[in-house]
Amino acid sequence: MFLLIYLPVIELEEQHLQKLFPEFADYAKRVPPLWPTAHPAKSDHRFQYRLYLKNREYQAFLGFLAGTAFLIAKTMIPSLR
């Protein structure tokens, strides 16, 4: 049922993205529409710690840590259940 619904939706979205972004065809050749690949895409860009801080990407990591800590505490402290 999932495939019957989402495969046509994925096709329509790809057509829409092709109209919005001319370079989408190159992207679509490298990235499969439904299943991820085991190998990362090659890029000339390297990780930039300064950009990581500027965009405050660390907030997502801190949120992940807070959520994980809460779930661990919830399993260990009976009053939080």
N, C-alpha and C. Protein backbone atom coordinates (compact mmCIF):
# COMPACT_ATOMS: atom_id res chain seq x y z
N MET A 1 0.82 -1.19 0.00
CA MET A 1 0.00 0.00 0.00
C MET A 1 0.87 1.26 0.00
N PHE A 2 1.95 1.21 0.79
CA PHE A 2 2.86 2.35 0.86
C PHE A 2 3.39 2.72 -0.54
N LEU A 3 3.86 1.71 -1.26
CA LEU A 3 4.43 1.97 -2.58
C LEU A 3 3.38 2.47 -3.57
N LEU A 4 2.17 1.96 -3.47
CA LEU A 4 1.11 2.40 -4.38
C LEU A 4 0.77 3.88 -4.19
N ILE A 5 0.92 4.35 -2.97
CA ILE A 5 0.60 5.75 -2.69
C ILE A 5 1.81 6.65 -2.96
N TYR A 6 2.97 6.26 -2.44
CA TYR A 6 4.11 7.17 -2.45
C TYR A 6 4.91 7.20 -3.74
N LEU A 7 4.92 6.14 -4.50
CA LEU A 7 5.67 6.20 -5.76
C LEU A 7 5.12 7.26 -6.71
N PRO A 8 3.79 7.37 -6.92
CA PRO A 8 3.29 8.47 -7.76
C PRO A 8 3.55 9.85 -7.15
N VAL A 9 3.48 9.94 -5.82
CA VAL A 9 3.75 11.22 -5.16
C VAL A 9 5.20 11.63 -5.36
N ILE A 10 6.11 10.68 -5.23
CA ILE A 10 7.53 10.97 -5.44
C ILE A 10 7.76 11.43 -6.88
N GLU A 11 7.13 10.78 -7.82
CA GLU A 11 7.28 11.16 -9.23
C GLU A 11 6.78 12.59 -9.47
N LEU A 12 5.63 12.93 -8.91
CA LEU A 12 5.09 14.29 -9.07
C LEU A 12 5.99 15.33 -8.41
N GLU A 13 6.53 14.99 -7.24
CA GLU A 13 7.43 15.93 -6.56
C GLU A 13 8.71 16.14 -7.37
N GLU A 14 9.22 15.07 -7.96
CA GLU A 14 10.43 15.21 -8.78
C GLU A 14 10.17 16.09 -10.00
N GLN A 15 9.01 15.95 -10.62
CA GLN A 15 8.66 16.81 -11.75
C GLN A 15 8.57 18.28 -11.31
N HIS A 16 7.97 18.50 -10.16
CA HIS A 16 7.85 19.87 -9.63
C HIS A 16 9.22 20.46 -9.31
N LEU A 17 10.08 19.66 -8.68
CA LEU A 17 11.42 20.14 -8.34
C LEU A 17 12.24 20.42 -9.59
N GLN A 18 12.04 19.63 -10.64
CA GLN A 18 12.75 19.85 -11.89
C GLN A 18 12.38 21.21 -12.49
N LYS A 19 11.11 21.60 -12.34
CA LYS A 19 10.67 22.90 -12.85
C LYS A 19 11.26 24.04 -12.01
N LEU A 20 11.33 23.84 -10.70
CA LEU A 20 11.85 24.89 -9.81
C LEU A 20 13.36 25.04 -9.89
N PHE A 21 14.05 23.91 -9.98
CA PHE A 21 15.52 23.91 -9.91
C PHE A 21 16.08 23.17 -11.13
N PRO A 22 16.62 23.89 -12.10
CA PRO A 22 17.16 23.24 -13.30
C PRO A 22 18.27 22.22 -12.99
N GLU A 23 19.01 22.45 -11.91
CA GLU A 23 20.11 21.53 -11.58
C GLU A 23 19.62 20.27 -10.84
N PHE A 24 18.31 20.14 -10.67
CA PHE A 24 17.76 18.98 -9.96
C PHE A 24 18.05 17.67 -10.70
N ALA A 25 18.13 17.69 -12.00
CA ALA A 25 18.40 16.47 -12.78
C ALA A 25 19.74 15.86 -12.38
N ASP A 26 20.76 16.70 -12.20
CA ASP A 26 22.07 16.19 -11.77
C ASP A 26 21.99 15.58 -10.37
N TYR A 27 21.27 16.26 -9.50
CA TYR A 27 21.07 15.76 -8.13
C TYR A 27 20.33 14.42 -8.15
N ALA A 28 19.28 14.32 -8.95
CA ALA A 28 18.47 13.10 -9.01
C ALA A 28 19.28 11.90 -9.53
N LYS A 29 20.27 12.16 -10.36
CA LYS A 29 21.12 11.08 -10.86
C LYS A 29 21.98 10.49 -9.73
N ARG A 30 22.38 11.35 -8.79
CA ARG A 30 23.27 10.89 -7.71
C ARG A 30 22.52 10.33 -6.51
N VAL A 31 21.27 10.77 -6.31
CA VAL A 31 20.54 10.41 -5.09
C VAL A 31 19.28 9.64 -5.47
N PRO A 32 19.13 8.41 -4.96
CA PRO A 32 17.93 7.65 -5.27
C PRO A 32 16.70 8.28 -4.59
N PRO A 33 15.53 8.15 -5.20
CA PRO A 33 14.35 8.84 -4.67
C PRO A 33 13.78 8.24 -3.38
N LEU A 34 14.01 6.95 -3.12
CA LEU A 34 13.35 6.33 -1.98
C LEU A 34 14.32 5.72 -0.98
N TRP A 35 15.35 5.04 -1.46
CA TRP A 35 16.27 4.34 -0.56
C TRP A 35 17.60 5.07 -0.50
N PRO A 36 18.17 5.23 0.69
CA PRO A 36 19.49 5.88 0.79
C PRO A 36 20.59 4.96 0.27
N THR A 37 21.71 5.54 -0.09
CA THR A 37 22.84 4.76 -0.55
C THR A 37 23.82 4.53 0.60
N ALA A 38 24.66 3.52 0.46
CA ALA A 38 25.63 3.20 1.50
C ALA A 38 26.86 4.10 1.43
N HIS A 39 27.11 4.70 0.29
CA HIS A 39 28.29 5.55 0.14
C HIS A 39 27.87 7.01 0.06
N PRO A 40 28.59 7.88 0.75
CA PRO A 40 28.23 9.30 0.73
C PRO A 40 28.56 9.94 -0.62
N ALA A 41 27.88 11.01 -0.92
CA ALA A 41 28.15 11.75 -2.14
C ALA A 41 29.51 12.44 -2.02
N LYS A 42 30.24 12.49 -3.12
CA LYS A 42 31.54 13.15 -3.11
C LYS A 42 31.33 14.65 -3.18
N SER A 43 32.13 15.36 -2.40
CA SER A 43 32.00 16.80 -2.37
C SER A 43 33.38 17.44 -2.23
N ASP A 44 33.52 18.61 -2.80
CA ASP A 44 34.77 19.36 -2.67
C ASP A 44 34.79 20.16 -1.37
N HIS A 45 33.64 20.24 -0.70
CA HIS A 45 33.53 21.04 0.50
C HIS A 45 33.94 20.23 1.72
N ARG A 46 34.71 20.83 2.57
CA ARG A 46 35.12 20.19 3.80
C ARG A 46 34.33 20.77 4.96
N PHE A 47 34.26 20.02 6.05
CA PHE A 47 33.56 20.50 7.24
C PHE A 47 34.26 21.76 7.76
N GLN A 48 33.46 22.78 8.07
CA GLN A 48 34.00 24.03 8.59
C GLN A 48 33.41 24.29 9.97
N TYR A 49 34.26 24.16 10.98
CA TYR A 49 33.80 24.32 12.36
C TYR A 49 33.26 25.74 12.58
N ARG A 50 33.87 26.73 11.96
CA ARG A 50 33.42 28.12 12.12
C ARG A 50 31.99 28.28 11.59
N LEU A 51 31.68 27.66 10.45
CA LEU A 51 30.34 27.72 9.88
C LEU A 51 29.34 26.95 10.76
N TYR A 52 29.79 25.83 11.33
CA TYR A 52 28.98 25.05 12.25
C TYR A 52 28.54 25.92 13.44
N LEU A 53 29.46 26.69 13.98
CA LEU A 53 29.13 27.58 15.11
C LEU A 53 28.27 28.75 14.66
N LYS A 54 28.60 29.33 13.51
CA LYS A 54 27.86 30.49 13.02
C LYS A 54 26.38 30.15 12.80
N ASN A 55 26.10 28.96 12.25
CA ASN A 55 24.73 28.54 11.97
C ASN A 55 24.05 27.90 13.18
N ARG A 56 24.77 27.85 14.28
CA ARG A 56 24.25 27.29 15.54
C ARG A 56 23.75 25.86 15.37
N GLU A 57 24.47 25.07 14.60
CA GLU A 57 24.10 23.68 14.39
C GLU A 57 24.23 22.86 15.67
N TYR A 58 25.04 23.35 16.60
CA TYR A 58 25.22 22.64 17.86
C TYR A 58 23.92 22.55 18.65
N GLN A 59 22.96 23.42 18.36
CA GLN A 59 21.69 23.38 19.08
C GLN A 59 20.95 22.07 18.82
N ALA A 60 21.04 21.55 17.63
CA ALA A 60 20.40 20.26 17.32
C ALA A 60 21.06 19.15 18.13
N PHE A 61 22.37 19.19 18.23
CA PHE A 61 23.08 18.17 19.02
C PHE A 61 22.72 18.28 20.50
N LEU A 62 22.66 19.51 21.01
CA LEU A 62 22.29 19.69 22.41
C LEU A 62 20.85 19.24 22.67
N GLY A 63 19.96 19.48 21.73
CA GLY A 63 18.58 19.01 21.85
C GLY A 63 18.51 17.49 21.87
N PHE A 64 19.33 16.86 21.01
CA PHE A 64 19.40 15.40 21.00
C PHE A 64 19.89 14.87 22.34
N LEU A 65 20.94 15.49 22.88
CA LEU A 65 21.46 15.07 24.18
C LEU A 65 20.42 15.26 25.28
N ALA A 66 19.71 16.38 25.27
CA ALA A 66 18.69 16.63 26.29
C ALA A 66 17.56 15.61 26.18
N GLY A 67 17.11 15.31 24.98
CA GLY A 67 16.06 14.31 24.80
C GLY A 67 16.50 12.93 25.25
N THR A 68 17.74 12.57 24.92
CA THR A 68 18.27 11.28 25.33
C THR A 68 18.38 11.20 26.85
N ALA A 69 18.88 12.28 27.46
CA ALA A 69 18.99 12.30 28.93
C ALA A 69 17.62 12.17 29.57
N PHE A 70 16.61 12.84 29.02
CA PHE A 70 15.26 12.74 29.55
C PHE A 70 14.72 11.32 29.46
N LEU A 71 14.92 10.68 28.32
CA LEU A 71 14.43 9.31 28.16
C LEU A 71 15.14 8.34 29.09
N ILE A 72 16.43 8.52 29.28
CA ILE A 72 17.17 7.67 30.22
C ILE A 72 16.67 7.90 31.63
N ALA A 73 16.49 9.18 32.00
CA ALA A 73 15.99 9.50 33.35
C ALA A 73 14.60 8.94 33.54
N LYS A 74 13.78 8.99 32.52
CA LYS A 74 12.41 8.49 32.62
C LYS A 74 12.39 6.99 32.87
N THR A 75 13.33 6.26 32.33
CA THR A 75 13.37 4.81 32.56
C THR A 75 13.94 4.48 33.93
N MET A 76 14.73 5.38 34.50
CA MET A 76 15.39 5.10 35.77
C MET A 76 14.66 5.68 36.99
N ILE A 77 13.90 6.75 36.80
CA ILE A 77 13.22 7.41 37.93
C ILE A 77 11.73 7.08 37.84
N PRO A 78 11.19 6.34 38.80
CA PRO A 78 9.79 5.93 38.73
C PRO A 78 8.78 7.09 38.69
N SER A 79 9.08 8.20 39.33
CA SER A 79 8.12 9.31 39.37
C SER A 79 7.93 9.99 38.01
N LEU A 80 8.85 9.79 37.08
CA LEU A 80 8.73 10.40 35.74
C LEU A 80 7.91 9.53 34.79
N ARG A 81 7.62 8.32 35.19
CA ARG A 81 6.85 7.42 34.32
C ARG A 81 5.46 7.85 34.28
